[in-house]
Protein backbone atom coordinates (compact mmCIF):
# COMPACT_ATOMS: atom_id res chain seq x y z
CA PRO A 1 9.52 15.29 1.26
CA VAL A 2 5.94 16.20 2.04
CA ASN A 3 3.81 17.37 -0.86
CA THR A 4 0.20 18.33 -1.42
CA THR A 5 -0.90 14.72 -1.94
CA ASP A 6 0.74 13.60 1.30
CA ILE A 7 -1.38 12.57 4.28
CA PHE A 8 -0.35 11.02 7.55
CA ILE A 9 -1.87 7.67 8.43
CA SER A 10 -0.75 6.15 11.69
CA PRO A 11 0.55 2.57 11.65
CA SER A 12 -2.18 0.04 12.30
CA THR A 13 -2.97 -3.68 12.14
CA VAL A 14 -5.91 -5.30 10.35
CA ASN A 15 -6.60 -9.06 10.14
CA GLY A 16 -3.05 -9.71 11.41
CA TYR A 17 -1.45 -7.50 8.73
CA SER A 18 0.38 -4.35 9.80
CA PHE A 19 0.38 -1.23 7.65
CA GLU A 20 3.45 0.99 7.97
CA ARG A 21 4.72 3.95 5.99
CA LEU A 22 8.12 3.88 4.30
CA ASN A 23 10.05 6.87 5.60
CA ASN A 24 13.55 6.85 4.14
CA LEU A 25 15.89 5.31 1.57
CA ARG A 26 16.72 2.37 3.84
CA ASP A 27 13.00 1.51 4.19
CA TYR A 28 12.55 1.63 0.41
CA VAL A 29 15.61 -0.56 -0.24
CA ILE A 30 14.51 -3.18 2.28
CA ALA A 31 10.97 -3.24 0.87
CA GLY A 32 12.16 -3.37 -2.74
CA GLN A 33 14.50 -6.26 -2.00
CA ALA A 34 11.84 -8.16 -0.04
CA LEU A 35 9.20 -7.72 -2.73
CA HIS A 36 11.55 -7.98 -5.75
CA ASN A 37 10.25 -4.76 -7.26
CA CYS A 38 11.40 -1.24 -8.09
CA LEU A 39 10.87 0.40 -4.69
CA ASN A 40 14.61 0.43 -4.03
CA GLU A 41 15.31 2.08 -7.40
CA HIS A 42 12.92 5.04 -7.32
CA TYR A 43 13.33 6.74 -3.96
CA PRO A 44 11.85 9.16 -3.16
CA PHE A 45 8.42 8.53 -4.63
CA SER A 46 6.27 11.61 -5.12
CA ASN A 47 3.45 9.81 -3.27
CA PRO A 48 3.64 8.06 0.10
CA VAL A 49 4.18 4.30 0.08
CA TYR A 50 3.02 1.93 2.82
CA ILE A 51 4.07 -1.66 3.32
CA ILE A 52 1.87 -4.47 4.51
CA LYS A 53 3.57 -6.95 6.84
CA ARG A 54 2.52 -10.18 8.47
CA GLY A 55 4.65 -11.75 11.17
CA GLY A 56 7.30 -9.11 10.51
CA ILE A 57 7.62 -10.15 6.84
CA ILE A 58 6.82 -7.65 4.10
CA GLN A 59 3.93 -8.97 2.02
CA ALA A 60 2.99 -6.01 -0.20
CA ALA A 61 3.37 -2.29 -0.82
CA ILE A 62 0.72 0.30 -1.61
CA GLU A 63 1.09 3.77 -3.06
CA LEU A 64 -1.33 6.53 -2.11
CA ARG A 65 -2.26 9.71 -3.89
CA GLY A 66 -4.18 11.78 -1.39
CA ARG A 67 -6.77 9.42 0.08
CA THR A 68 -6.70 6.96 -2.83
CA VAL A 69 -4.65 3.78 -3.24
CA ILE A 70 -3.34 4.05 -6.80
CA GLN A 71 -1.10 0.98 -6.76
CA ALA A 72 -0.92 -2.15 -4.62
CA ARG A 73 1.58 -4.91 -5.39
CA CYS A 74 2.83 -8.07 -3.74
CA PHE A 75 5.98 -10.11 -4.47
CA ASN A 76 7.29 -9.72 -8.06
CA ASN A 77 4.74 -6.93 -8.72
CA MET A 78 1.77 -9.31 -8.52
CA HIS A 79 -1.42 -7.26 -8.18
CA ILE A 80 -2.77 -7.46 -4.65
CA GLU A 81 -6.17 -8.68 -5.88
CA PHE A 82 -4.52 -12.07 -6.60
CA SER A 83 -3.75 -12.45 -2.90
CA PRO A 84 -7.20 -12.68 -1.30
CA ASN A 85 -6.12 -12.43 2.36
CA ILE A 86 -3.89 -9.40 1.82
CA ASN A 87 -6.50 -7.79 -0.43
CA ALA A 88 -9.20 -8.31 2.24
CA ALA A 89 -6.95 -6.68 4.85
CA LEU A 90 -6.25 -3.76 2.49
CA LYS A 91 -9.96 -3.21 1.86
CA LYS A 92 -10.73 -3.28 5.58
CA TRP A 93 -7.80 -0.94 6.36
CA ALA A 94 -8.87 1.46 3.61
CA LYS A 95 -12.44 1.53 4.89
CA CYS A 96 -11.29 2.20 8.47
CA LYS A 97 -9.00 5.02 7.31
CA SER A 98 -11.50 6.55 4.81
CA ILE A 99 -9.25 5.71 1.88
CA HIS A 100 -10.50 4.80 -1.59
CA ILE A 101 -9.05 2.06 -3.75
CA TYR A 102 -8.62 3.17 -7.35
CA TRP A 103 -9.65 -0.07 -9.09
CA ASP A 104 -12.72 -0.36 -6.86
CA LEU A 105 -13.74 3.13 -7.97
CA LEU A 106 -13.36 2.03 -11.61
CA ASN A 107 -15.55 -1.01 -11.01
CA ASP A 108 -18.16 0.85 -8.96
CA ASN A 109 -21.47 0.90 -10.75
CA PRO A 110 -24.13 2.85 -8.85
CA ASP A 111 -26.83 1.23 -11.01
CA ASP A 112 -26.12 -2.27 -9.64
């Protein structure tokens, strides 16, 4: 279901990682099983979820609220920041799509 925080972002590839939106229960189940997380248990999410794939293999999932990434997790719910290559692709993708990353906003210090 589309809600007020929902935006459409077309599938794209950055640094060899593809970013694709989960659209239905089957997508969520496949992603949850691949990442060993709760995606397959909580469909539908109130916010859109995108997966990050490399070579056709799901590497991570990100949840958006409006134009902000509020959660980004890899296998076994590992925070994406602990996977430098995936994190770099996420940051580049977010910049290209005018999307903010929540934890970057928290760490942003305009006085630096």
